[in-house]
Every structure is written in C-alpha cells, then in structure tokens.
Amino acid sequence: MLRGLYTATAGMLTQQRRTEMLSNNMANANTAGYKADQSTIRAFPEMLLQRMENKTLPTGNGMNVPAMQTIGSLNSGVYLQEIKSRDIQGELKETGLVTDVALVEENVPLNAETNVKGSLFFAVQNQAGEERYTRNGHFTLDENGLLLSDGNPVLSTTGQPISIQSGEFSVTEAGDVLVNGQPVAQIDVRFAADVRNLVKEGNGIYRTSDGQVLPTAIDNGDIQYNLKQKYLENSTVDIGRTYTDMMTAYRSFEANQKVLQAYDKSMEKAANEIGRLS
C-alpha cells in the first residue's frame, strides 16, 4: 500500500513541475526571442526485487551458494527527466522601431556529439558586470546613450557596452552600428555549440554552466546570420498548445491526488477499524 502512496506522490510532483514550466512559457509568450521550454517525462528505471534471505553474497558459482533470483519488478512512478528549450528560429515581426533588432540564423552547424544545432545570441552585461546572453532584440537607449536589452548593456565586438550619442542610427545586416553614416561599434553575436551548456536565469537571459564565455560568431566561416533592424523575433511559445498542456497537467495532478486520498482513507480504516481488538 505504501508503494502506491509513493507512486501517486511522484506523479503529483512531476505534474506540479510541468505546470510551473508551462506557466513560465505562458508568461513569456510575448517576450522577444524567448525560447519555450519542453519537458520529458518517463518512468523511474525499474528496480529489480531480489531475494535477500541469505546473508552471504549470492554468486551462483556452484559452491552451494544460491544465485540471486529475480522475483518481480517495481515501477515507482514517473519523474520529469529533463527540461530543454525549443531552440528554433522564431517568426519575425516588423515593429518600425529603430531600436528593435532581430537576430536571424541562416546557417548554424550541428553539434558533432549531440547532432543538435547550435544557437546564436546577443552578448550583454548584467548588473554585476558579468557577461550574459540573450535573444531579446527589443533594445532601448538610456539617458547616457547606452544600448540596452531589458536593462542590460549590449556588448560590442570589443567587449564594451555600445554607446550611441544620437537617437538616429542604423544597424547593418552584419551588426555594424552607424551614426550619421559613420560606424561607431559592431554588435557582437556569440555562438553556443552545445545548447546543453546554457542555463536560463530568467527574462530570456542565459549563462554558461561552466562559467566560460561563448566564442564570437563573427568571421566564423561555418556560421551565417544577419541582423534586421526594425524587426523583432517572436517567442517560440505555442499559446494554444500550452493552454491544452496546462489543462492536461492539472487533470493528471488531480487524478493522482484522488489516488493519494484513497490510499490515505484505506490506511486510516486499517489502523482504526481492522486492527481494533474486540
């Protein structure tokens, strides 16, 4: 009976985590460049039950030591195996704002180990002065002329924040920032060869799990991309499917909850009635 309690509890915890992931996707459905999270759910690896009556090590080597015998299997419920981003190019939306810049991937090589395509990012600097990465091209200019992405300065190829002392500027497909036709900086684009090495920090910001900086994609002959000014990359969140998945997760959580309540009532009856002495 306790086994069923663990199975139902595992199902509830899994659906709770899945609901949290889907809620975060929904909250970022309108965040430029946001990559929706996807989950993989699987059963716990089956645990073989072994006969353990004999205290000696069962080897079955013909020395009157019984071999270990499998007497059944136990599946102890499900768990959320992994959460990974849907790293595909989002649809482009024309905004007409000169501060909006979409990063468009044309050719990005596959990772030799995982056979999964790498990804490109803008390099930004957080409040602690650390380098971070984002696909959010909804830039703004502060009072000092710094080009910002969600409050974080956008970095140039020199590793310094980009400063624009005029509201009239243009961005070429290669990322060159021109003021009055003169180049003042080039927007840096970084390449993540293995997306498994990226960790989400929130608000579309990524860092590397090992703390290493991503290499630049500029002058990399295997990578082709362009920047489109006055455009934004939409998120990869499918709102309709996300709503459906959230309802499914909720119903699954509710079903496991009812199973847990049924086990609880059965145990209460066993303790208070069946075990009562006349």
Protein backbone atom coordinates (compact mmCIF):
# COMPACT_ATOMS: atom_id res chain seq x y z
CA MET A 1 0.00 0.00 0.00
CA LEU A 2 2.86 2.40 0.79
CA ARG A 3 4.19 1.72 -2.68
CA GLY A 4 1.02 3.26 -4.14
CA LEU A 5 1.49 6.35 -1.97
CA TYR A 6 4.94 6.90 -3.42
CA THR A 7 3.72 6.35 -6.99
CA ALA A 8 0.87 8.87 -6.64
CA THR A 9 3.14 11.40 -4.93
CA ALA A 10 5.74 11.09 -7.71
CA GLY A 11 3.02 11.79 -10.26
CA MET A 12 1.83 14.89 -8.38
CA LEU A 13 5.34 16.32 -8.07
CA THR A 14 6.01 15.71 -11.76
CA GLN A 15 2.82 17.46 -12.88
CA GLN A 16 3.48 20.35 -10.49
CA ARG A 17 6.91 20.95 -12.03
CA ARG A 18 5.43 20.64 -15.52
CA THR A 19 2.72 23.18 -14.67
CA GLU A 20 5.36 25.62 -13.39
CA MET A 21 7.31 25.22 -16.64
CA LEU A 22 4.20 25.77 -18.77
CA SER A 23 3.17 28.81 -16.69
CA ASN A 24 6.59 30.35 -17.29
CA ASN A 25 6.21 29.74 -21.02
CA MET A 26 2.82 31.44 -20.98
CA ALA A 27 4.18 34.42 -19.05
CA ASN A 28 6.91 34.88 -21.69
CA ALA A 29 4.74 34.29 -24.77
CA ASN A 30 5.22 37.94 -25.79
CA THR A 31 8.89 38.20 -24.81
CA ALA A 32 11.00 38.82 -27.90
CA GLY A 33 13.32 35.93 -28.71
CA TYR A 34 12.11 33.74 -25.82
CA LYS A 35 12.66 30.01 -26.35
CA ALA A 36 9.85 27.88 -24.92
CA ASP A 37 10.78 25.09 -22.51
CA GLN A 38 9.81 21.50 -23.21
CA SER A 39 9.78 18.59 -20.75
CA THR A 40 10.42 14.88 -20.99
CA ILE A 41 8.55 12.62 -18.58
CA ARG A 42 9.49 9.00 -18.06
CA ALA A 43 9.01 6.19 -15.56
CA PHE A 44 11.65 5.54 -12.97
CA PRO A 45 14.02 2.80 -14.13
CA GLU A 46 12.52 -0.45 -12.96
CA MET A 47 14.09 -1.69 -9.76
CA LEU A 48 14.54 -5.41 -9.55
CA LEU A 49 13.47 -7.02 -6.30
CA GLN A 50 15.91 -9.62 -5.10
CA ARG A 51 15.63 -12.42 -2.57
CA MET A 52 17.83 -11.41 0.35
CA GLU A 53 17.18 -14.20 2.86
CA ASN A 54 20.77 -15.38 2.68
CA LYS A 55 23.29 -13.01 4.25
CA THR A 56 26.14 -14.34 2.12
CA LEU A 57 26.93 -12.82 -1.24
CA PRO A 58 24.94 -14.79 -3.82
CA THR A 59 27.22 -15.66 -6.70
CA GLY A 60 25.76 -18.91 -8.04
CA ASN A 61 29.24 -20.31 -8.62
CA GLY A 62 28.38 -23.92 -7.82
CA MET A 63 29.61 -23.74 -4.20
CA ASN A 64 26.15 -24.33 -2.68
CA VAL A 65 25.54 -20.58 -2.68
CA PRO A 66 22.16 -19.84 -4.23
CA ALA A 67 22.16 -17.46 -7.15
CA MET A 68 20.30 -14.17 -6.75
CA GLN A 69 16.80 -14.68 -8.11
CA THR A 70 14.59 -12.01 -9.54
CA ILE A 71 11.12 -12.28 -8.01
CA GLY A 72 9.45 -9.33 -9.66
CA SER A 73 9.80 -5.72 -10.72
CA LEU A 74 8.74 -2.42 -9.21
CA ASN A 75 7.86 0.74 -11.08
CA SER A 76 7.85 3.60 -8.62
CA GLY A 77 6.07 6.22 -10.71
CA VAL A 78 7.17 8.95 -13.10
CA TYR A 79 9.55 11.88 -12.93
CA LEU A 80 10.48 14.90 -15.02
CA GLN A 81 13.61 13.68 -16.73
CA GLU A 82 14.72 16.95 -18.30
CA ILE A 83 13.62 20.41 -19.37
CA LYS A 84 15.11 21.82 -22.53
CA SER A 85 14.47 24.86 -24.69
CA ARG A 86 12.83 24.77 -28.09
CA ASP A 87 15.81 26.29 -29.86
CA ILE A 88 14.36 27.15 -33.24
CA GLN A 89 14.16 30.43 -35.10
CA GLY A 90 11.08 32.40 -34.07
CA GLU A 91 8.92 34.21 -36.59
CA LEU A 92 9.85 37.80 -37.39
CA LYS A 93 7.54 40.74 -36.64
CA GLU A 94 8.02 44.19 -38.14
CA THR A 95 7.79 46.93 -35.50
CA GLY A 96 9.17 50.01 -37.25
CA LEU A 97 11.26 50.94 -34.17
CA VAL A 98 14.91 51.71 -34.91
CA THR A 99 15.94 50.20 -31.55
CA ASP A 100 14.44 46.78 -32.40
CA VAL A 101 16.91 44.31 -33.91
CA ALA A 102 16.12 40.69 -34.79
CA LEU A 103 18.85 38.05 -34.92
CA VAL A 104 18.17 35.79 -37.90
CA GLU A 105 20.02 32.50 -38.14
CA GLU A 106 20.72 31.34 -41.70
CA ASN A 107 23.21 28.52 -41.20
CA VAL A 108 24.36 27.20 -37.81
CA PRO A 109 26.35 23.94 -37.64
CA LEU A 110 25.20 20.84 -35.79
CA ASN A 111 26.99 19.71 -32.65
CA ALA A 112 29.09 16.63 -33.52
CA GLU A 113 28.26 14.91 -30.21
CA THR A 114 24.53 15.58 -29.92
CA ASN A 115 23.63 16.17 -33.60
CA VAL A 116 21.65 19.19 -32.38
CA LYS A 117 22.01 22.62 -33.98
CA GLY A 118 23.87 25.25 -32.01
CA SER A 119 22.41 28.70 -31.29
CA LEU A 120 23.35 32.37 -31.62
CA PHE A 121 22.92 35.10 -29.01
CA PHE A 122 23.50 38.78 -28.33
CA ALA A 123 26.13 39.37 -25.65
CA VAL A 124 25.04 41.62 -22.77
CA GLN A 125 26.42 42.68 -19.39
CA ASN A 126 24.40 42.20 -16.21
CA GLN A 127 24.33 44.50 -13.19
CA ALA A 128 27.28 42.63 -11.63
CA GLY A 129 29.40 43.28 -14.73
CA GLU A 130 29.22 39.63 -15.82
CA GLU A 131 28.68 38.55 -19.38
CA ARG A 132 25.32 37.04 -20.23
CA TYR A 133 23.45 36.09 -23.42
CA THR A 134 20.00 36.80 -24.83
CA ARG A 135 17.90 36.61 -27.99
CA ASN A 136 15.83 39.61 -26.94
CA GLY A 137 16.47 42.29 -29.55
CA HIS A 138 13.94 44.74 -28.10
CA PHE A 139 16.67 47.31 -27.36
CA THR A 140 16.32 50.71 -25.73
CA LEU A 141 18.55 53.74 -25.21
CA ASP A 142 19.08 55.15 -21.71
CA GLU A 143 19.82 58.77 -20.81
CA ASN A 144 23.54 58.14 -21.30
CA GLY A 145 23.10 56.72 -24.79
CA LEU A 146 23.80 53.11 -23.80
CA LEU A 147 22.09 50.47 -25.92
CA LEU A 148 20.22 48.17 -23.53
CA SER A 149 18.41 44.83 -23.72
CA ASP A 150 15.96 44.57 -20.81
CA GLY A 151 18.19 46.92 -18.80
CA ASN A 152 21.45 45.12 -19.64
CA PRO A 153 24.05 46.92 -21.80
CA VAL A 154 24.56 45.31 -25.21
CA LEU A 155 28.21 44.46 -25.85
CA SER A 156 30.23 45.23 -28.96
CA THR A 157 32.95 43.11 -30.53
CA THR A 158 35.45 44.90 -28.28
CA GLY A 159 33.65 43.62 -25.17
CA GLN A 160 32.48 47.11 -24.22
CA PRO A 161 28.90 48.42 -23.94
CA ILE A 162 27.66 50.15 -27.07
CA SER A 163 27.17 53.89 -26.64
CA ILE A 164 25.09 55.85 -29.16
CA GLN A 165 25.03 59.62 -28.69
CA SER A 166 22.23 60.13 -31.17
CA GLY A 167 18.74 58.73 -31.47
CA GLU A 168 19.18 58.47 -35.22
CA PHE A 169 21.23 55.41 -36.01
CA SER A 170 21.09 52.35 -38.22
CA VAL A 171 22.22 48.74 -37.92
CA THR A 172 23.55 46.81 -40.91
CA GLU A 173 22.94 43.11 -41.50
CA ALA A 174 26.48 42.44 -40.24
CA GLY A 175 25.69 44.26 -36.97
CA ASP A 176 27.59 47.49 -37.63
CA VAL A 177 26.02 50.43 -35.77
CA LEU A 178 26.11 53.60 -37.88
CA VAL A 179 25.52 57.14 -36.60
CA ASN A 180 25.26 59.74 -39.37
CA GLY A 181 26.65 57.09 -41.71
CA GLN A 182 29.77 56.55 -39.59
CA PRO A 183 30.42 53.22 -37.80
CA VAL A 184 30.66 53.54 -34.01
CA ALA A 185 30.54 49.88 -32.97
CA GLN A 186 29.59 46.38 -34.09
CA ILE A 187 27.01 44.34 -32.18
CA ASP A 188 28.66 41.12 -31.05
CA VAL A 189 26.94 37.79 -31.73
CA ARG A 190 28.05 34.73 -29.77
CA PHE A 191 27.83 31.07 -30.74
CA ALA A 192 26.78 28.25 -28.39
CA ALA A 193 27.89 24.99 -30.00
CA ASP A 194 26.25 22.87 -27.28
CA VAL A 195 22.96 24.31 -26.01
CA ARG A 196 23.07 21.86 -23.07
CA ASN A 197 25.75 24.12 -21.59
CA LEU A 198 23.29 27.03 -21.25
CA VAL A 199 21.36 27.84 -18.08
CA LYS A 200 18.31 30.13 -18.01
CA GLU A 201 18.44 32.91 -15.42
CA GLY A 202 15.05 34.45 -16.21
CA ASN A 203 13.81 37.23 -18.52
CA GLY A 204 15.36 35.47 -21.51
CA ILE A 205 18.89 35.70 -20.06
CA TYR A 206 21.32 32.78 -20.30
CA ARG A 207 24.67 31.97 -18.74
CA THR A 208 27.05 29.09 -19.34
CA SER A 209 27.04 26.30 -16.77
CA ASP A 210 30.86 26.18 -16.67
CA GLY A 211 31.31 29.94 -16.40
CA GLN A 212 33.20 30.18 -19.70
CA VAL A 213 32.36 32.91 -22.22
CA LEU A 214 30.87 31.91 -25.55
CA PRO A 215 33.03 32.47 -28.64
CA THR A 216 32.06 35.11 -31.18
CA ALA A 217 30.27 34.03 -34.36
CA ILE A 218 31.80 36.89 -36.35
CA ASP A 219 34.23 35.74 -39.06
CA ASN A 220 33.28 32.11 -38.41
CA GLY A 221 33.02 30.63 -41.88
CA ASP A 222 30.64 27.87 -40.76
CA ILE A 223 28.03 30.33 -39.45
CA GLN A 224 25.80 32.63 -41.46
CA TYR A 225 23.37 35.09 -39.90
CA ASN A 226 22.07 38.64 -40.34
CA LEU A 227 20.54 41.35 -38.17
CA LYS A 228 17.28 43.00 -39.23
CA GLN A 229 16.62 46.45 -37.80
CA LYS A 230 13.00 47.45 -37.05
CA TYR A 231 12.10 43.77 -36.60
CA LEU A 232 11.71 41.50 -33.58
CA GLU A 233 11.92 37.73 -33.24
CA ASN A 234 8.75 36.32 -31.69
CA SER A 235 8.90 33.74 -28.92
CA THR A 236 8.56 30.06 -29.81
CA VAL A 237 5.63 29.60 -27.40
CA ASP A 238 2.53 27.99 -28.97
CA ILE A 239 -0.18 29.57 -26.81
CA GLY A 240 -2.96 27.17 -27.82
CA ARG A 241 -0.90 24.07 -27.19
CA THR A 242 0.43 25.48 -23.92
CA TYR A 243 -3.11 26.04 -22.64
CA THR A 244 -4.02 22.46 -23.57
CA ASP A 245 -0.91 21.03 -21.91
CA MET A 246 -1.60 23.02 -18.74
CA MET A 247 -5.12 21.59 -18.50
CA THR A 248 -3.77 18.08 -19.09
CA ALA A 249 -1.16 18.53 -16.37
CA TYR A 250 -3.79 19.86 -13.97
CA ARG A 251 -6.13 16.92 -14.58
CA SER A 252 -3.27 14.46 -14.14
CA PHE A 253 -2.29 16.13 -10.86
CA GLU A 254 -5.90 15.97 -9.70
CA ALA A 255 -6.17 12.25 -10.57
CA ASN A 256 -3.02 11.41 -8.61
CA GLN A 257 -4.33 13.49 -5.71
CA LYS A 258 -7.53 11.42 -5.58
CA VAL A 259 -5.48 8.21 -5.61
CA LEU A 260 -3.42 9.54 -2.71
CA GLN A 261 -6.59 10.41 -0.78
CA ALA A 262 -7.99 6.92 -1.40
CA TYR A 263 -4.82 5.31 -0.03
CA ASP A 264 -4.95 7.61 2.98
CA LYS A 265 -8.54 6.60 3.78
CA SER A 266 -7.68 2.91 3.38
CA MET A 267 -4.76 3.20 5.77
CA GLU A 268 -6.91 5.12 8.26
CA LYS A 269 -9.53 2.37 8.16
CA ALA A 270 -6.89 -0.34 8.55
CA ALA A 271 -5.40 1.39 11.58
CA ASN A 272 -8.64 2.36 13.32
CA GLU A 273 -11.04 -0.44 12.47
CA ILE A 274 -9.39 -3.61 11.20
CA GLY A 275 -6.73 -3.55 13.87
CA ARG A 276 -9.17 -2.85 16.70
CA LEU A 277 -9.41 -5.60 19.31
CA SER A 278 -12.89 -6.78 20.34
